[in-house]
């Protein structure tokens, strides 16, 4: 059986329905703090918090964050 690695878990969708940005929804789903992700990206927590609050960040930003999450960038595009 093939599994589509580009699927979005129900929990992530639920968080987005509750007005979380896709980045925040994924971060919470993965049980990561903003500081955890900021360290993976090599930036400060406040800098990441700003990126997380943007509804549709630039493609390069989405790609970097997706890599830090271990997901595909298109899973952050909704």
PDB file of N, CA and C in Angstrom:
ATOM      1  N   UNK A   1       0.842  -1.193   0.000  1.00  0.00           N
ATOM      2  CA  UNK A   1       0.000   0.000   0.000  1.00  0.00           C
ATOM      3  C   UNK A   1       0.874   1.238   0.000  1.00  0.00           C
ATOM      4  N   UNK A   2       0.609   2.162  -0.895  1.00  0.00           N
ATOM      5  CA  UNK A   2       1.358   3.411  -0.952  1.00  0.00           C
ATOM      6  C   UNK A   2       0.708   4.437  -0.036  1.00  0.00           C
ATOM      7  N   UNK A   3       1.552   5.176   0.653  1.00  0.00           N
ATOM      8  CA  UNK A   3       1.059   6.237   1.522  1.00  0.00           C
ATOM      9  C   UNK A   3       1.497   7.561   0.927  1.00  0.00           C
ATOM     10  N   UNK A   4       0.575   8.473   0.772  1.00  0.00           N
ATOM     11  CA  UNK A   4       0.901   9.789   0.235  1.00  0.00           C
ATOM     12  C   UNK A   4       1.596  10.610   1.313  1.00  0.00           C
ATOM     13  N   UNK A   5       2.858  10.881   1.104  1.00  0.00           N
ATOM     14  CA  UNK A   5       3.629  11.620   2.110  1.00  0.00           C
ATOM     15  C   UNK A   5       3.283  13.107   2.120  1.00  0.00           C
ATOM     16  N   UNK A   6       2.412  13.521   1.222  1.00  0.00           N
ATOM     17  CA  UNK A   6       2.026  14.931   1.162  1.00  0.00           C
ATOM     18  C   UNK A   6       0.677  15.192   1.836  1.00  0.00           C
ATOM     19  N   UNK A   7       0.145  14.195   2.514  1.00  0.00           N
ATOM     20  CA  UNK A   7      -1.123  14.367   3.213  1.00  0.00           C
ATOM     21  C   UNK A   7      -0.950  15.269   4.423  1.00  0.00           C
ATOM     22  N   UNK A   8      -2.046  15.854   4.842  1.00  0.00           N
ATOM     23  CA  UNK A   8      -2.038  16.718   6.024  1.00  0.00           C
ATOM     24  C   UNK A   8      -2.878  16.040   7.093  1.00  0.00           C
ATOM     25  N   UNK A   9      -2.275  15.769   8.249  1.00  0.00           N
ATOM     26  CA  UNK A   9      -3.013  15.088   9.324  1.00  0.00           C
ATOM     27  C   UNK A   9      -4.254  15.869   9.761  1.00  0.00           C
ATOM     28  N   UNK A  10      -5.267  15.129  10.161  1.00  0.00           N
ATOM     29  CA  UNK A  10      -6.524  15.724  10.623  1.00  0.00           C
ATOM     30  C   UNK A  10      -6.284  16.739  11.744  1.00  0.00           C
ATOM     31  N   UNK A  11      -5.363  16.440  12.648  1.00  0.00           N
ATOM     32  CA  UNK A  11      -5.080  17.338  13.778  1.00  0.00           C
ATOM     33  C   UNK A  11      -4.569  18.697  13.291  1.00  0.00           C
ATOM     34  N   UNK A  12      -3.777  18.687  12.216  1.00  0.00           N
ATOM     35  CA  UNK A  12      -3.263  19.943  11.660  1.00  0.00           C
ATOM     36  C   UNK A  12      -4.415  20.739  11.059  1.00  0.00           C
ATOM     37  N   UNK A  13      -5.271  20.076  10.324  1.00  0.00           N
ATOM     38  CA  UNK A  13      -6.427  20.746   9.721  1.00  0.00           C
ATOM     39  C   UNK A  13      -7.322  21.332  10.808  1.00  0.00           C
ATOM     40  N   UNK A  14      -7.570  20.583  11.872  1.00  0.00           N
ATOM     41  CA  UNK A  14      -8.395  21.082  12.981  1.00  0.00           C
ATOM     42  C   UNK A  14      -7.813  22.370  13.553  1.00  0.00           C
ATOM     43  N   UNK A  15      -6.498  22.409  13.729  1.00  0.00           N
ATOM     44  CA  UNK A  15      -5.870  23.617  14.282  1.00  0.00           C
ATOM     45  C   UNK A  15      -6.033  24.805  13.330  1.00  0.00           C
ATOM     46  N   UNK A  16      -5.940  24.527  12.038  1.00  0.00           N
ATOM     47  CA  UNK A  16      -6.102  25.611  11.064  1.00  0.00           C
ATOM     48  C   UNK A  16      -7.547  26.102  11.033  1.00  0.00           C
ATOM     49  N   UNK A  17      -8.493  25.188  11.202  1.00  0.00           N
ATOM     50  CA  UNK A  17      -9.897  25.595  11.273  1.00  0.00           C
ATOM     51  C   UNK A  17     -10.110  26.509  12.481  1.00  0.00           C
ATOM     52  N   UNK A  18      -9.332  26.273  13.533  1.00  0.00           N
ATOM     53  CA  UNK A  18      -9.407  27.111  14.734  1.00  0.00           C
ATOM     54  C   UNK A  18      -8.526  28.352  14.614  1.00  0.00           C
ATOM     55  N   UNK A  19      -8.181  28.731  13.370  1.00  0.00           N
ATOM     56  CA  UNK A  19      -7.463  29.968  13.042  1.00  0.00           C
ATOM     57  C   UNK A  19      -5.957  29.952  13.271  1.00  0.00           C
ATOM     58  N   UNK A  20      -5.350  28.790  13.413  1.00  0.00           N
ATOM     59  CA  UNK A  20      -3.888  28.736  13.473  1.00  0.00           C
ATOM     60  C   UNK A  20      -3.353  28.814  12.045  1.00  0.00           C
ATOM     61  N   UNK A  21      -2.199  29.461  11.873  1.00  0.00           N
ATOM     62  CA  UNK A  21      -1.551  29.431  10.566  1.00  0.00           C
ATOM     63  C   UNK A  21      -1.065  28.007  10.308  1.00  0.00           C
ATOM     64  N   UNK A  22      -0.844  27.638   9.055  1.00  0.00           N
ATOM     65  CA  UNK A  22      -0.336  26.286   8.786  1.00  0.00           C
ATOM     66  C   UNK A  22       0.972  25.985   9.527  1.00  0.00           C
ATOM     67  N   UNK A  23       1.851  26.955   9.614  1.00  0.00           N
ATOM     68  CA  UNK A  23       3.125  26.735  10.310  1.00  0.00           C
ATOM     69  C   UNK A  23       2.883  26.460  11.789  1.00  0.00           C
ATOM     70  N   UNK A  24       2.042  27.247  12.412  1.00  0.00           N
ATOM     71  CA  UNK A  24       1.755  27.018  13.837  1.00  0.00           C
ATOM     72  C   UNK A  24       1.062  25.672  14.038  1.00  0.00           C
ATOM     73  N   UNK A  25       0.100  25.369  13.169  1.00  0.00           N
ATOM     74  CA  UNK A  25      -0.626  24.106  13.302  1.00  0.00           C
ATOM     75  C   UNK A  25       0.333  22.918  13.219  1.00  0.00           C
ATOM     76  N   UNK A  26       1.243  22.933  12.260  1.00  0.00           N
ATOM     77  CA  UNK A  26       2.221  21.849  12.139  1.00  0.00           C
ATOM     78  C   UNK A  26       3.153  21.813  13.340  1.00  0.00           C
ATOM     79  N   UNK A  27       3.624  22.989  13.800  1.00  0.00           N
ATOM     80  CA  UNK A  27       4.544  23.024  14.942  1.00  0.00           C
ATOM     81  C   UNK A  27       3.888  22.404  16.166  1.00  0.00           C
ATOM     82  N   UNK A  28       2.647  22.767  16.423  1.00  0.00           N
ATOM     83  CA  UNK A  28       1.937  22.221  17.580  1.00  0.00           C
ATOM     84  C   UNK A  28       1.686  20.725  17.402  1.00  0.00           C
ATOM     85  N   UNK A  29       1.344  20.308  16.184  1.00  0.00           N
ATOM     86  CA  UNK A  29       1.120  18.891  15.909  1.00  0.00           C
ATOM     87  C   UNK A  29       2.387  18.070  16.176  1.00  0.00           C
ATOM     88  N   UNK A  30       3.526  18.646  15.859  1.00  0.00           N
ATOM     89  CA  UNK A  30       4.803  17.957  16.045  1.00  0.00           C
ATOM     90  C   UNK A  30       5.356  18.117  17.469  1.00  0.00           C
ATOM     91  N   UNK A  31       4.582  18.775  18.332  1.00  0.00           N
ATOM     92  CA  UNK A  31       4.986  18.999  19.728  1.00  0.00           C
ATOM     93  C   UNK A  31       6.321  19.719  19.850  1.00  0.00           C
ATOM     94  N   UNK A  32       6.491  20.747  19.033  1.00  0.00           N
ATOM     95  CA  UNK A  32       7.700  21.562  19.074  1.00  0.00           C
ATOM     96  C   UNK A  32       7.367  22.936  19.631  1.00  0.00           C
ATOM     97  N   UNK A  33       8.321  23.527  20.332  1.00  0.00           N
ATOM     98  CA  UNK A  33       8.155  24.906  20.779  1.00  0.00           C
ATOM     99  C   UNK A  33       8.688  25.835  19.695  1.00  0.00           C
ATOM    100  N   UNK A  34       8.347  27.098  19.799  1.00  0.00           N
ATOM    101  CA  UNK A  34       8.908  28.069  18.866  1.00  0.00           C
ATOM    102  C   UNK A  34      10.431  28.088  18.989  1.00  0.00           C
ATOM    103  N   UNK A  35      10.928  27.953  20.202  1.00  0.00           N
ATOM    104  CA  UNK A  35      12.371  27.943  20.412  1.00  0.00           C
ATOM    105  C   UNK A  35      13.025  26.736  19.738  1.00  0.00           C
ATOM    106  N   UNK A  36      12.377  25.563  19.825  1.00  0.00           N
ATOM    107  CA  UNK A  36      12.900  24.363  19.159  1.00  0.00           C
ATOM    108  C   UNK A  36      13.097  24.619  17.666  1.00  0.00           C
ATOM    109  N   UNK A  37      12.064  25.165  17.038  1.00  0.00           N
ATOM    110  CA  UNK A  37      12.114  25.388  15.595  1.00  0.00           C
ATOM    111  C   UNK A  37      13.123  26.486  15.265  1.00  0.00           C
ATOM    112  N   UNK A  38      13.142  27.541  16.050  1.00  0.00           N
ATOM    113  CA  UNK A  38      14.095  28.629  15.809  1.00  0.00           C
ATOM    114  C   UNK A  38      15.531  28.102  15.838  1.00  0.00           C
ATOM    115  N   UNK A  39      15.823  27.242  16.802  1.00  0.00           N
ATOM    116  CA  UNK A  39      17.172  26.667  16.880  1.00  0.00           C
ATOM    117  C   UNK A  39      17.479  25.834  15.644  1.00  0.00           C
ATOM    118  N   UNK A  40      16.522  25.069  15.165  1.00  0.00           N
ATOM    119  CA  UNK A  40      16.726  24.267  13.950  1.00  0.00           C
ATOM    120  C   UNK A  40      16.997  25.152  12.738  1.00  0.00           C
ATOM    121  N   UNK A  41      16.383  26.338  12.732  1.00  0.00           N
ATOM    122  CA  UNK A  41      16.532  27.269  11.616  1.00  0.00           C
ATOM    123  C   UNK A  41      17.737  28.195  11.782  1.00  0.00           C
ATOM    124  N   UNK A  42      18.294  28.237  12.991  1.00  0.00           N
ATOM    125  CA  UNK A  42      19.427  29.125  13.244  1.00  0.00           C
ATOM    126  C   UNK A  42      19.031  30.580  13.373  1.00  0.00           C
ATOM    127  N   UNK A  43      17.809  30.803  13.883  1.00  0.00           N
ATOM    128  CA  UNK A  43      17.315  32.166  14.091  1.00  0.00           C
ATOM    129  C   UNK A  43      16.813  32.304  15.525  1.00  0.00           C
ATOM    130  N   UNK A  44      16.443  33.511  15.910  1.00  0.00           N
ATOM    131  CA  UNK A  44      15.928  33.731  17.262  1.00  0.00           C
ATOM    132  C   UNK A  44      14.463  33.303  17.347  1.00  0.00           C
ATOM    133  N   UNK A  45      14.022  33.040  18.562  1.00  0.00           N
ATOM    134  CA  UNK A  45      12.610  32.676  18.775  1.00  0.00           C
ATOM    135  C   UNK A  45      11.681  33.805  18.325  1.00  0.00           C
ATOM    136  N   UNK A  46      11.981  35.090  18.649  1.00  0.00           N
ATOM    137  CA  UNK A  46      11.086  36.156  18.165  1.00  0.00           C
ATOM    138  C   UNK A  46      11.025  36.231  16.636  1.00  0.00           C
ATOM    139  N   UNK A  47      12.144  35.958  15.973  1.00  0.00           N
ATOM    140  CA  UNK A  47      12.142  35.973  14.505  1.00  0.00           C
ATOM    141  C   UNK A  47      11.250  34.857  13.971  1.00  0.00           C
ATOM    142  N   UNK A  48      11.338  33.676  14.594  1.00  0.00           N
ATOM    143  CA  UNK A  48      10.466  32.588  14.148  1.00  0.00           C
ATOM    144  C   UNK A  48       9.013  32.902  14.455  1.00  0.00           C
ATOM    145  N   UNK A  49       8.734  33.469  15.620  1.00  0.00           N
ATOM    146  CA  UNK A  49       7.350  33.809  15.987  1.00  0.00           C
ATOM    147  C   UNK A  49       6.738  34.728  14.937  1.00  0.00           C
ATOM    148  N   UNK A  50       7.524  35.642  14.411  1.00  0.00           N
ATOM    149  CA  UNK A  50       7.032  36.544  13.376  1.00  0.00           C
ATOM    150  C   UNK A  50       6.727  35.765  12.095  1.00  0.00           C
ATOM    151  N   UNK A  51       7.606  34.848  11.720  1.00  0.00           N
ATOM    152  CA  UNK A  51       7.376  34.032  10.519  1.00  0.00           C
ATOM    153  C   UNK A  51       6.148  33.148  10.687  1.00  0.00           C
ATOM    154  N   UNK A  52       5.973  32.624  11.888  1.00  0.00           N
ATOM    155  CA  UNK A  52       4.843  31.730  12.155  1.00  0.00           C
ATOM    156  C   UNK A  52       3.510  32.455  12.053  1.00  0.00           C
ATOM    157  N   UNK A  53       3.492  33.737  12.311  1.00  0.00           N
ATOM    158  CA  UNK A  53       2.238  34.485  12.313  1.00  0.00           C
ATOM    159  C   UNK A  53       1.782  34.902  10.916  1.00  0.00           C
ATOM    160  N   UNK A  54       2.658  34.772   9.926  1.00  0.00           N
ATOM    161  CA  UNK A  54       2.320  35.169   8.560  1.00  0.00           C
ATOM    162  C   UNK A  54       1.453  34.088   7.919  1.00  0.00           C
ATOM    163  N   UNK A  55       0.333  34.499   7.363  1.00  0.00           N
ATOM    164  CA  UNK A  55      -0.602  33.535   6.769  1.00  0.00           C
ATOM    165  C   UNK A  55       0.004  32.820   5.563  1.00  0.00           C
ATOM    166  N   UNK A  56       0.727  33.534   4.724  1.00  0.00           N
ATOM    167  CA  UNK A  56       1.340  32.916   3.538  1.00  0.00           C
ATOM    168  C   UNK A  56       2.762  33.448   3.375  1.00  0.00           C
ATOM    169  N   UNK A  57       3.712  32.822   4.068  1.00  0.00           N
ATOM    170  CA  UNK A  57       5.099  33.270   3.956  1.00  0.00           C
ATOM    171  C   UNK A  57       5.679  32.983   2.564  1.00  0.00           C
ATOM    172  N   UNK A  58       6.805  33.618   2.267  1.00  0.00           N
ATOM    173  CA  UNK A  58       7.471  33.409   0.983  1.00  0.00           C
ATOM    174  C   UNK A  58       7.829  31.928   0.811  1.00  0.00           C
ATOM    175  N   UNK A  59       7.960  31.526  -0.433  1.00  0.00           N
ATOM    176  CA  UNK A  59       8.265  30.136  -0.752  1.00  0.00           C
ATOM    177  C   UNK A  59       9.563  29.682  -0.079  1.00  0.00           C
ATOM    178  N   UNK A  60      10.606  30.493  -0.136  1.00  0.00           N
ATOM    179  CA  UNK A  60      11.891  30.120   0.475  1.00  0.00           C
ATOM    180  C   UNK A  60      11.736  29.894   1.974  1.00  0.00           C
ATOM    181  N   UNK A  61      10.927  30.725   2.612  1.00  0.00           N
ATOM    182  CA  UNK A  61      10.679  30.579   4.045  1.00  0.00           C
ATOM    183  C   UNK A  61       9.926  29.284   4.317  1.00  0.00           C
ATOM    184  N   UNK A  62       8.888  29.009   3.534  1.00  0.00           N
ATOM    185  CA  UNK A  62       8.133  27.763   3.693  1.00  0.00           C
ATOM    186  C   UNK A  62       9.031  26.551   3.520  1.00  0.00           C
ATOM    187  N   UNK A  63       9.920  26.595   2.555  1.00  0.00           N
ATOM    188  CA  UNK A  63      10.807  25.465   2.307  1.00  0.00           C
ATOM    189  C   UNK A  63      11.748  25.216   3.482  1.00  0.00           C
ATOM    190  N   UNK A  64      12.292  26.285   4.056  1.00  0.00           N
ATOM    191  CA  UNK A  64      13.194  26.141   5.204  1.00  0.00           C
ATOM    192  C   UNK A  64      12.444  25.590   6.426  1.00  0.00           C
ATOM    193  N   UNK A  65      11.271  26.114   6.671  1.00  0.00           N
ATOM    194  CA  UNK A  65      10.493  25.658   7.825  1.00  0.00           C
ATOM    195  C   UNK A  65      10.037  24.214   7.622  1.00  0.00           C
ATOM    196  N   UNK A  66       9.606  23.886   6.419  1.00  0.00           N
ATOM    197  CA  UNK A  66       9.193  22.507   6.133  1.00  0.00           C
ATOM    198  C   UNK A  66      10.358  21.547   6.375  1.00  0.00           C
ATOM    199  N   UNK A  67      11.546  21.917   5.948  1.00  0.00           N
ATOM    200  CA  UNK A  67      12.720  21.067   6.176  1.00  0.00           C
ATOM    201  C   UNK A  67      12.969  20.895   7.667  1.00  0.00           C
ATOM    202  N   UNK A  68      12.795  21.968   8.442  1.00  0.00           N
ATOM    203  CA  UNK A  68      12.980  21.888   9.898  1.00  0.00           C
ATOM    204  C   UNK A  68      11.930  20.976  10.534  1.00  0.00           C
ATOM    205  N   UNK A  69      10.743  20.921   9.940  1.00  0.00           N
ATOM    206  CA  UNK A  69       9.669  20.062  10.442  1.00  0.00           C
ATOM    207  C   UNK A  69       9.782  18.634   9.924  1.00  0.00           C
ATOM    208  N   UNK A  70      10.542  18.443   8.844  1.00  0.00           N
ATOM    209  CA  UNK A  70      10.634  17.119   8.239  1.00  0.00           C
ATOM    210  C   UNK A  70       9.434  16.794   7.369  1.00  0.00           C
ATOM    211  N   UNK A  71       8.854  17.828   6.771  1.00  0.00           N
ATOM    212  CA  UNK A  71       7.692  17.640   5.886  1.00  0.00           C
ATOM    213  C   UNK A  71       8.000  18.290   4.540  1.00  0.00           C
ATOM    214  N   UNK A  72       7.098  18.137   3.584  1.00  0.00           N
ATOM    215  CA  UNK A  72       7.225  18.771   2.283  1.00  0.00           C
ATOM    216  C   UNK A  72       6.667  20.194   2.357  1.00  0.00           C
ATOM    217  N   UNK A  73       7.316  21.119   1.636  1.00  0.00           N
ATOM    218  CA  UNK A  73       6.887  22.515   1.665  1.00  0.00           C
ATOM    219  C   UNK A  73       5.438  22.687   1.238  1.00  0.00           C
ATOM    220  N   UNK A  74       4.974  21.848   0.301  1.00  0.00           N
ATOM    221  CA  UNK A  74       3.581  22.004  -0.151  1.00  0.00           C
ATOM    222  C   UNK A  74       2.573  21.664   0.934  1.00  0.00           C
ATOM    223  N   UNK A  75       3.014  21.000   2.006  1.00  0.00           N
ATOM    224  CA  UNK A  75       2.101  20.717   3.119  1.00  0.00           C
ATOM    225  C   UNK A  75       1.852  21.963   3.967  1.00  0.00           C
ATOM    226  N   UNK A  76       2.603  23.040   3.714  1.00  0.00           N
ATOM    227  CA  UNK A  76       2.383  24.299   4.417  1.00  0.00           C
ATOM    228  C   UNK A  76       1.557  25.267   3.576  1.00  0.00           C
ATOM    229  N   UNK A  77       1.187  24.861   2.384  1.00  0.00           N
ATOM    230  CA  UNK A  77       0.438  25.734   1.467  1.00  0.00           C
ATOM    231  C   UNK A  77      -1.030  25.354   1.451  1.00  0.00           C
ATOM    232  N   UNK A  78      -1.837  26.116   2.132  1.00  0.00           N
ATOM    233  CA  UNK A  78      -3.273  25.874   2.123  1.00  0.00           C
ATOM    234  C   UNK A  78      -4.039  27.142   1.928  1.00  0.00           C
TER     235      UNK A  78
END
